[in-house]
C-alpha atoms as a PDB file:
ATOM      1  CA  UNK A   1      -0.712  16.094 -18.335  1.00  0.00           C
ATOM      2  CA  UNK A   2      -4.415  15.671 -17.485  1.00  0.00           C
ATOM      3  CA  UNK A   3      -5.594  14.011 -14.268  1.00  0.00           C
ATOM      4  CA  UNK A   4      -6.952  11.094 -16.319  1.00  0.00           C
ATOM      5  CA  UNK A   5      -3.580  10.605 -18.024  1.00  0.00           C
ATOM      6  CA  UNK A   6      -1.802  10.780 -14.659  1.00  0.00           C
ATOM      7  CA  UNK A   7      -4.171   8.137 -13.326  1.00  0.00           C
ATOM      8  CA  UNK A   8      -3.323   5.916 -16.314  1.00  0.00           C
ATOM      9  CA  UNK A   9       0.396   6.137 -15.471  1.00  0.00           C
ATOM     10  CA  UNK A  10       0.162   5.588 -11.722  1.00  0.00           C
ATOM     11  CA  UNK A  11       1.773   2.672  -9.998  1.00  0.00           C
ATOM     12  CA  UNK A  12       0.320   0.820  -7.053  1.00  0.00           C
ATOM     13  CA  UNK A  13       0.758  -2.465  -5.208  1.00  0.00           C
ATOM     14  CA  UNK A  14      -1.813  -5.144  -5.943  1.00  0.00           C
ATOM     15  CA  UNK A  15      -2.205  -7.416  -2.929  1.00  0.00           C
ATOM     16  CA  UNK A  16      -3.265 -11.048  -3.377  1.00  0.00           C
ATOM     17  CA  UNK A  17      -3.732 -12.068   0.276  1.00  0.00           C
ATOM     18  CA  UNK A  18      -4.340 -15.766  -0.355  1.00  0.00           C
ATOM     19  CA  UNK A  19      -0.748 -15.999  -1.666  1.00  0.00           C
ATOM     20  CA  UNK A  20       0.687 -14.468   1.530  1.00  0.00           C
ATOM     21  CA  UNK A  21       2.623 -16.958   3.665  1.00  0.00           C
ATOM     22  CA  UNK A  22       2.827 -14.643   6.666  1.00  0.00           C
ATOM     23  CA  UNK A  23       6.638 -14.677   6.531  1.00  0.00           C
ATOM     24  CA  UNK A  24       6.766 -10.902   7.095  1.00  0.00           C
ATOM     25  CA  UNK A  25       9.835 -10.460   4.897  1.00  0.00           C
ATOM     26  CA  UNK A  26       8.047  -7.462   3.384  1.00  0.00           C
ATOM     27  CA  UNK A  27       7.935  -5.763   6.804  1.00  0.00           C
ATOM     28  CA  UNK A  28      11.649  -6.424   7.303  1.00  0.00           C
ATOM     29  CA  UNK A  29      12.613  -5.152   3.828  1.00  0.00           C
ATOM     30  CA  UNK A  30      10.459  -2.025   4.213  1.00  0.00           C
ATOM     31  CA  UNK A  31      11.782  -1.077   7.632  1.00  0.00           C
ATOM     32  CA  UNK A  32      15.360  -1.659   6.518  1.00  0.00           C
ATOM     33  CA  UNK A  33      14.818   0.525   3.449  1.00  0.00           C
ATOM     34  CA  UNK A  34      13.179   3.395   5.334  1.00  0.00           C
ATOM     35  CA  UNK A  35      14.585   3.221   8.863  1.00  0.00           C
ATOM     36  CA  UNK A  36      17.895   1.405   8.355  1.00  0.00           C
ATOM     37  CA  UNK A  37      16.951  -1.204  10.993  1.00  0.00           C
ATOM     38  CA  UNK A  38      14.516  -4.089  11.312  1.00  0.00           C
ATOM     39  CA  UNK A  39      11.535  -2.333  12.897  1.00  0.00           C
ATOM     40  CA  UNK A  40       8.258  -3.910  11.738  1.00  0.00           C
ATOM     41  CA  UNK A  41       6.172  -1.350  13.649  1.00  0.00           C
ATOM     42  CA  UNK A  42       7.595   1.372  11.377  1.00  0.00           C
ATOM     43  CA  UNK A  43       7.164  -0.660   8.199  1.00  0.00           C
ATOM     44  CA  UNK A  44       4.880   0.916   5.604  1.00  0.00           C
ATOM     45  CA  UNK A  45       3.348  -2.525   5.000  1.00  0.00           C
ATOM     46  CA  UNK A  46       2.034  -4.722   7.796  1.00  0.00           C
ATOM     47  CA  UNK A  47       0.855  -8.305   7.868  1.00  0.00           C
ATOM     48  CA  UNK A  48      -2.179  -8.958  10.043  1.00  0.00           C
ATOM     49  CA  UNK A  49      -3.237 -12.416  11.199  1.00  0.00           C
ATOM     50  CA  UNK A  50      -6.543 -11.663  12.869  1.00  0.00           C
ATOM     51  CA  UNK A  51      -7.860 -15.163  12.186  1.00  0.00           C
ATOM     52  CA  UNK A  52      -5.669 -18.291  12.411  1.00  0.00           C
ATOM     53  CA  UNK A  53      -4.028 -18.981   9.047  1.00  0.00           C
ATOM     54  CA  UNK A  54      -5.419 -15.831   7.427  1.00  0.00           C
ATOM     55  CA  UNK A  55      -2.501 -13.496   6.669  1.00  0.00           C
ATOM     56  CA  UNK A  56      -3.493 -10.105   5.298  1.00  0.00           C
ATOM     57  CA  UNK A  57      -0.876  -7.739   3.841  1.00  0.00           C
ATOM     58  CA  UNK A  58      -1.996  -4.155   4.454  1.00  0.00           C
ATOM     59  CA  UNK A  59      -0.531  -1.049   2.838  1.00  0.00           C
ATOM     60  CA  UNK A  60      -1.581   2.158   1.117  1.00  0.00           C
ATOM     61  CA  UNK A  61      -3.518   1.710  -2.130  1.00  0.00           C
ATOM     62  CA  UNK A  62      -2.702   5.265  -3.242  1.00  0.00           C
ATOM     63  CA  UNK A  63      -6.335   6.475  -3.420  1.00  0.00           C
ATOM     64  CA  UNK A  64      -6.790   8.809  -6.392  1.00  0.00           C
ATOM     65  CA  UNK A  65      -8.620  11.362  -4.216  1.00  0.00           C
ATOM     66  CA  UNK A  66      -5.964  11.256  -1.435  1.00  0.00           C
ATOM     67  CA  UNK A  67      -8.213  11.613   1.627  1.00  0.00           C
ATOM     68  CA  UNK A  68      -5.198  11.441   3.958  1.00  0.00           C
ATOM     69  CA  UNK A  69      -3.405  14.291   2.186  1.00  0.00           C
ATOM     70  CA  UNK A  70      -6.563  16.409   2.172  1.00  0.00           C
ATOM     71  CA  UNK A  71      -7.116  15.770   5.898  1.00  0.00           C
ATOM     72  CA  UNK A  72      -3.659  16.976   6.939  1.00  0.00           C
ATOM     73  CA  UNK A  73      -3.877  20.556   8.193  1.00  0.00           C
ATOM     74  CA  UNK A  74      -0.107  20.901   8.547  1.00  0.00           C
ATOM     75  CA  UNK A  75       1.057  20.209   4.986  1.00  0.00           C
ATOM     76  CA  UNK A  76       2.951  17.139   6.151  1.00  0.00           C
ATOM     77  CA  UNK A  77       1.558  14.944   3.372  1.00  0.00           C
ATOM     78  CA  UNK A  78       2.118  15.551  -0.322  1.00  0.00           C
ATOM     79  CA  UNK A  79       1.879  13.494  -3.508  1.00  0.00           C
ATOM     80  CA  UNK A  80       4.935  12.406  -5.477  1.00  0.00           C
ATOM     81  CA  UNK A  81       4.376  13.651  -9.037  1.00  0.00           C
ATOM     82  CA  UNK A  82       6.295  10.726 -10.546  1.00  0.00           C
ATOM     83  CA  UNK A  83       4.772   7.791  -8.670  1.00  0.00           C
ATOM     84  CA  UNK A  84       1.514   9.184  -7.279  1.00  0.00           C
ATOM     85  CA  UNK A  85       2.570   7.947  -3.821  1.00  0.00           C
ATOM     86  CA  UNK A  86       1.904   9.832  -0.609  1.00  0.00           C
ATOM     87  CA  UNK A  87       5.053  11.388   0.871  1.00  0.00           C
ATOM     88  CA  UNK A  88       5.463  12.317   4.538  1.00  0.00           C
ATOM     89  CA  UNK A  89       7.400  15.383   5.629  1.00  0.00           C
ATOM     90  CA  UNK A  90       8.488  14.215   9.079  1.00  0.00           C
ATOM     91  CA  UNK A  91       9.390  17.756  10.141  1.00  0.00           C
ATOM     92  CA  UNK A  92       5.820  18.981   9.591  1.00  0.00           C
ATOM     93  CA  UNK A  93       3.966  15.930  10.983  1.00  0.00           C
ATOM     94  CA  UNK A  94       2.407  16.522  14.403  1.00  0.00           C
ATOM     95  CA  UNK A  95       1.128  12.940  14.823  1.00  0.00           C
ATOM     96  CA  UNK A  96      -2.423  14.332  15.114  1.00  0.00           C
ATOM     97  CA  UNK A  97      -3.924  11.268  13.395  1.00  0.00           C
ATOM     98  CA  UNK A  98      -6.228  13.157  11.017  1.00  0.00           C
ATOM     99  CA  UNK A  99      -4.789  11.172   8.087  1.00  0.00           C
ATOM    100  CA  UNK A 100      -5.518   7.869   9.846  1.00  0.00           C
ATOM    101  CA  UNK A 101      -9.145   8.849  10.423  1.00  0.00           C
ATOM    102  CA  UNK A 102      -9.540  10.016   6.814  1.00  0.00           C
ATOM    103  CA  UNK A 103      -8.083   6.852   5.266  1.00  0.00           C
ATOM    104  CA  UNK A 104     -10.731   4.296   4.202  1.00  0.00           C
ATOM    105  CA  UNK A 105      -8.309   1.464   5.038  1.00  0.00           C
ATOM    106  CA  UNK A 106      -6.870   3.047   8.211  1.00  0.00           C
ATOM    107  CA  UNK A 107      -3.433   2.473   6.685  1.00  0.00           C
ATOM    108  CA  UNK A 108      -1.321   5.330   8.103  1.00  0.00           C
ATOM    109  CA  UNK A 109       0.260   4.368  11.412  1.00  0.00           C
ATOM    110  CA  UNK A 110       2.082   6.313  14.075  1.00  0.00           C
ATOM    111  CA  UNK A 111       4.753   3.998  15.499  1.00  0.00           C
ATOM    112  CA  UNK A 112       5.787   4.731  19.073  1.00  0.00           C
ATOM    113  CA  UNK A 113       9.055   6.646  19.100  1.00  0.00           C
ATOM    114  CA  UNK A 114       9.029   7.488  15.375  1.00  0.00           C
ATOM    115  CA  UNK A 115       7.812  11.072  15.673  1.00  0.00           C
ATOM    116  CA  UNK A 116       5.678  10.989  12.524  1.00  0.00           C
ATOM    117  CA  UNK A 117       3.131   8.978  10.631  1.00  0.00           C
ATOM    118  CA  UNK A 118       4.268   6.258   8.198  1.00  0.00           C
ATOM    119  CA  UNK A 119       2.587   5.672   4.820  1.00  0.00           C
ATOM    120  CA  UNK A 120       3.833   3.699   1.801  1.00  0.00           C
ATOM    121  CA  UNK A 121       5.820   5.889  -0.583  1.00  0.00           C
ATOM    122  CA  UNK A 122       6.333   3.052  -3.097  1.00  0.00           C
ATOM    123  CA  UNK A 123      10.096   3.327  -2.476  1.00  0.00           C
ATOM    124  CA  UNK A 124      10.318   5.873  -5.260  1.00  0.00           C
ATOM    125  CA  UNK A 125       8.805   3.431  -7.759  1.00  0.00           C
ATOM    126  CA  UNK A 126      10.634   0.226  -6.825  1.00  0.00           C
ATOM    127  CA  UNK A 127       8.927  -1.136  -3.685  1.00  0.00           C
ATOM    128  CA  UNK A 128      11.233  -3.366  -1.666  1.00  0.00           C
ATOM    129  CA  UNK A 129       8.278  -5.323  -0.275  1.00  0.00           C
ATOM    130  CA  UNK A 130       7.243  -6.406  -3.789  1.00  0.00           C
ATOM    131  CA  UNK A 131      10.830  -7.345  -4.622  1.00  0.00           C
ATOM    132  CA  UNK A 132      11.361  -9.516  -1.534  1.00  0.00           C
ATOM    133  CA  UNK A 133       7.922 -11.160  -1.804  1.00  0.00           C
ATOM    134  CA  UNK A 134       8.682 -12.165  -5.393  1.00  0.00           C
ATOM    135  CA  UNK A 135      12.199 -13.379  -4.481  1.00  0.00           C
ATOM    136  CA  UNK A 136      10.700 -15.555  -1.723  1.00  0.00           C
ATOM    137  CA  UNK A 137       8.341 -17.115  -4.280  1.00  0.00           C
ATOM    138  CA  UNK A 138       5.078 -15.931  -2.736  1.00  0.00           C
ATOM    139  CA  UNK A 139       3.991 -13.226  -5.209  1.00  0.00           C
ATOM    140  CA  UNK A 140       1.351 -11.870  -2.834  1.00  0.00           C
ATOM    141  CA  UNK A 141       2.477  -8.359  -3.833  1.00  0.00           C
ATOM    142  CA  UNK A 142       2.616  -7.178  -7.434  1.00  0.00           C
ATOM    143  CA  UNK A 143       3.600  -3.777  -8.771  1.00  0.00           C
ATOM    144  CA  UNK A 144       0.928  -2.608 -11.203  1.00  0.00           C
ATOM    145  CA  UNK A 145       0.965   0.363 -13.558  1.00  0.00           C
ATOM    146  CA  UNK A 146      -2.216   1.909 -14.852  1.00  0.00           C
ATOM    147  CA  UNK A 147      -5.658   3.199 -14.070  1.00  0.00           C
ATOM    148  CA  UNK A 148      -7.378   1.667 -11.115  1.00  0.00           C
ATOM    149  CA  UNK A 149      -9.750   4.517 -10.313  1.00  0.00           C
ATOM    150  CA  UNK A 150     -12.804   2.251 -10.538  1.00  0.00           C
ATOM    151  CA  UNK A 151     -11.461  -0.577  -8.355  1.00  0.00           C
ATOM    152  CA  UNK A 152      -9.219   0.943  -5.687  1.00  0.00           C
ATOM    153  CA  UNK A 153     -12.003   0.956  -3.064  1.00  0.00           C
ATOM    154  CA  UNK A 154     -12.035  -2.836  -3.351  1.00  0.00           C
ATOM    155  CA  UNK A 155      -8.591  -2.784  -1.764  1.00  0.00           C
ATOM    156  CA  UNK A 156      -8.953   0.242   0.544  1.00  0.00           C
ATOM    157  CA  UNK A 157     -10.352  -1.671   3.512  1.00  0.00           C
ATOM    158  CA  UNK A 158      -9.415  -2.089   7.137  1.00  0.00           C
ATOM    159  CA  UNK A 159      -7.513  -5.274   8.135  1.00  0.00           C
ATOM    160  CA  UNK A 160     -10.524  -6.798   9.926  1.00  0.00           C
ATOM    161  CA  UNK A 161     -12.717  -6.412   6.845  1.00  0.00           C
ATOM    162  CA  UNK A 162      -9.984  -7.823   4.590  1.00  0.00           C
ATOM    163  CA  UNK A 163      -9.524 -10.759   6.976  1.00  0.00           C
ATOM    164  CA  UNK A 164     -13.243 -11.540   6.954  1.00  0.00           C
ATOM    165  CA  UNK A 165     -13.357 -11.361   3.138  1.00  0.00           C
ATOM    166  CA  UNK A 166     -10.385 -13.697   2.830  1.00  0.00           C
ATOM    167  CA  UNK A 167     -11.729 -16.118   5.452  1.00  0.00           C
ATOM    168  CA  UNK A 168     -15.020 -16.354   3.530  1.00  0.00           C
ATOM    169  CA  UNK A 169     -13.035 -17.100   0.379  1.00  0.00           C
ATOM    170  CA  UNK A 170     -10.784 -19.677   2.075  1.00  0.00           C
ATOM    171  CA  UNK A 171     -13.268 -21.408   4.363  1.00  0.00           C
ATOM    172  CA  UNK A 172     -16.601 -20.586   2.772  1.00  0.00           C
ATOM    173  CA  UNK A 173     -17.989 -19.462   6.113  1.00  0.00           C
ATOM    174  CA  UNK A 174     -18.897 -16.299   7.966  1.00  0.00           C
ATOM    175  CA  UNK A 175     -16.965 -15.512  11.128  1.00  0.00           C
ATOM    176  CA  UNK A 176     -18.436 -13.741  14.115  1.00  0.00           C
ATOM    177  CA  UNK A 177     -16.516 -10.638  15.123  1.00  0.00           C
END
């Protein structure tokens, strides 16, 4: 299968921040799925409220050029051939942070006590965060299939930048950092 065809078949999570209630059920569902306990710091999706009333879901947008994978010198990050998601080999991860620095959205996190970086793996193709967000009636997270090569950079932003964008949309004003 060609790279273009693979890109057409990829899945990713579309985030609509203005639909986010800030309930953080996505963080709970993710940490339960991956860690077996409620541990929001180790969740692969985080909700940031950097401005009052502006809740910004933040997770990996599965960049087609995988800067985090390319930055890892230890082979700890690979790409799932079925979903296109970044996978973390916890045994190989040294917590060096090269993947965090390489990521345009600064998505990978290294939770204290985890021993490795955490990045969204799309739950093997059925993300629990999307499921729980939909069940709660918020629909801030949507699973999308298809080519997004031309628009992914729109979503690959740091939480502060996303918060400012959303605040401008909600309040029609610029905020001073």
